[in-house]
Protein backbone atom coordinates (compact mmCIF):
# COMPACT_ATOMS: atom_id res chain seq x y z
CA UNK A 1 -2.79 -1.27 -1.74
CA UNK A 2 0.56 0.05 -0.54
CA UNK A 3 1.35 3.65 -1.34
CA UNK A 4 4.72 5.36 -0.84
CA UNK A 5 5.59 9.08 -0.98
CA UNK A 6 2.07 10.05 -0.04
CA UNK A 7 0.78 12.67 2.34
CA UNK A 8 -2.46 11.61 4.00
CA UNK A 9 -4.74 14.51 4.83
CA UNK A 10 -7.70 12.68 6.37
CA UNK A 11 -8.69 9.17 7.48
CA UNK A 12 -12.11 8.57 8.99
CA UNK A 13 -15.24 6.47 8.98
CA UNK A 14 -17.65 7.03 6.11
CA UNK A 15 -20.68 8.90 7.34
CA UNK A 16 -19.25 9.49 10.83
CA UNK A 17 -21.56 11.85 12.66
CA UNK A 18 -24.53 10.93 10.49
CA UNK A 19 -27.19 8.27 11.10
CA UNK A 20 -25.16 5.44 9.57
CA UNK A 21 -21.46 4.55 9.45
CA UNK A 22 -21.92 1.22 7.67
CA UNK A 23 -21.99 0.28 4.01
CA UNK A 24 -24.50 -1.87 2.16
CA UNK A 25 -22.88 -5.01 3.57
CA UNK A 26 -23.27 -3.60 7.13
CA UNK A 27 -19.51 -3.21 7.61
CA UNK A 28 -17.73 0.00 8.53
CA UNK A 29 -16.14 1.76 5.56
CA UNK A 30 -13.19 4.14 5.75
CA UNK A 31 -12.57 7.25 3.68
CA UNK A 32 -8.95 8.23 2.98
CA UNK A 33 -7.96 11.57 1.44
CA UNK A 34 -4.37 11.67 0.23
CA UNK A 35 -2.01 13.58 -1.99
CA UNK A 36 1.16 12.29 -3.61
CA UNK A 37 4.21 13.82 -1.92
CA UNK A 38 6.78 15.42 -4.21
CA UNK A 39 10.23 16.44 -3.11
CA UNK A 40 10.66 20.16 -2.56
CA UNK A 41 13.27 20.23 -5.35
CA UNK A 42 10.64 19.07 -7.86
CA UNK A 43 8.92 22.47 -8.13
CA UNK A 44 7.15 21.72 -11.43
CA UNK A 45 5.20 18.81 -9.98
CA UNK A 46 4.11 20.55 -6.78
CA UNK A 47 1.53 22.55 -8.74
CA UNK A 48 0.14 19.36 -10.30
CA UNK A 49 -0.59 17.56 -7.01
CA UNK A 50 -4.23 16.55 -6.72
CA UNK A 51 -5.93 15.26 -3.61
CA UNK A 52 -7.66 11.90 -4.05
CA UNK A 53 -10.45 10.61 -1.83
CA UNK A 54 -11.06 6.84 -1.74
CA UNK A 55 -13.24 4.47 0.30
CA UNK A 56 -11.83 1.23 1.76
CA UNK A 57 -13.06 -1.69 3.86
CA UNK A 58 -10.02 -1.45 6.17
CA UNK A 59 -7.05 0.83 6.83
CA UNK A 60 -3.61 -0.15 8.15
CA UNK A 61 -1.19 2.54 9.26
CA UNK A 62 2.39 1.29 9.02
CA UNK A 63 5.31 3.60 9.65
CA UNK A 64 8.93 2.75 9.07
CA UNK A 65 10.54 3.76 12.35
CA UNK A 66 13.99 2.92 10.96
CA UNK A 67 13.88 5.65 8.32
CA UNK A 68 14.66 9.34 8.73
CA UNK A 69 11.59 11.38 9.68
CA UNK A 70 10.15 13.93 7.25
CA UNK A 71 9.76 17.03 9.39
CA UNK A 72 7.76 20.10 8.35
CA UNK A 73 9.75 23.16 7.34
CA UNK A 74 9.68 26.11 9.72
């Protein structure tokens, strides 16, 4: 799954710090918590953002270093 305009809040192994970090098939699972990113000008949708937590078999982090960075406001 490829997801654009998304702010990722957390990526980590399922059960990290507990007795087991593997799923039923004995492979590591990853939990990803994300929230769809809305432009600051779209005020109505900012209130409707909902964080989603999903579990995946693998995670790839790919950044587009040719695009303009999205810097936090000060």
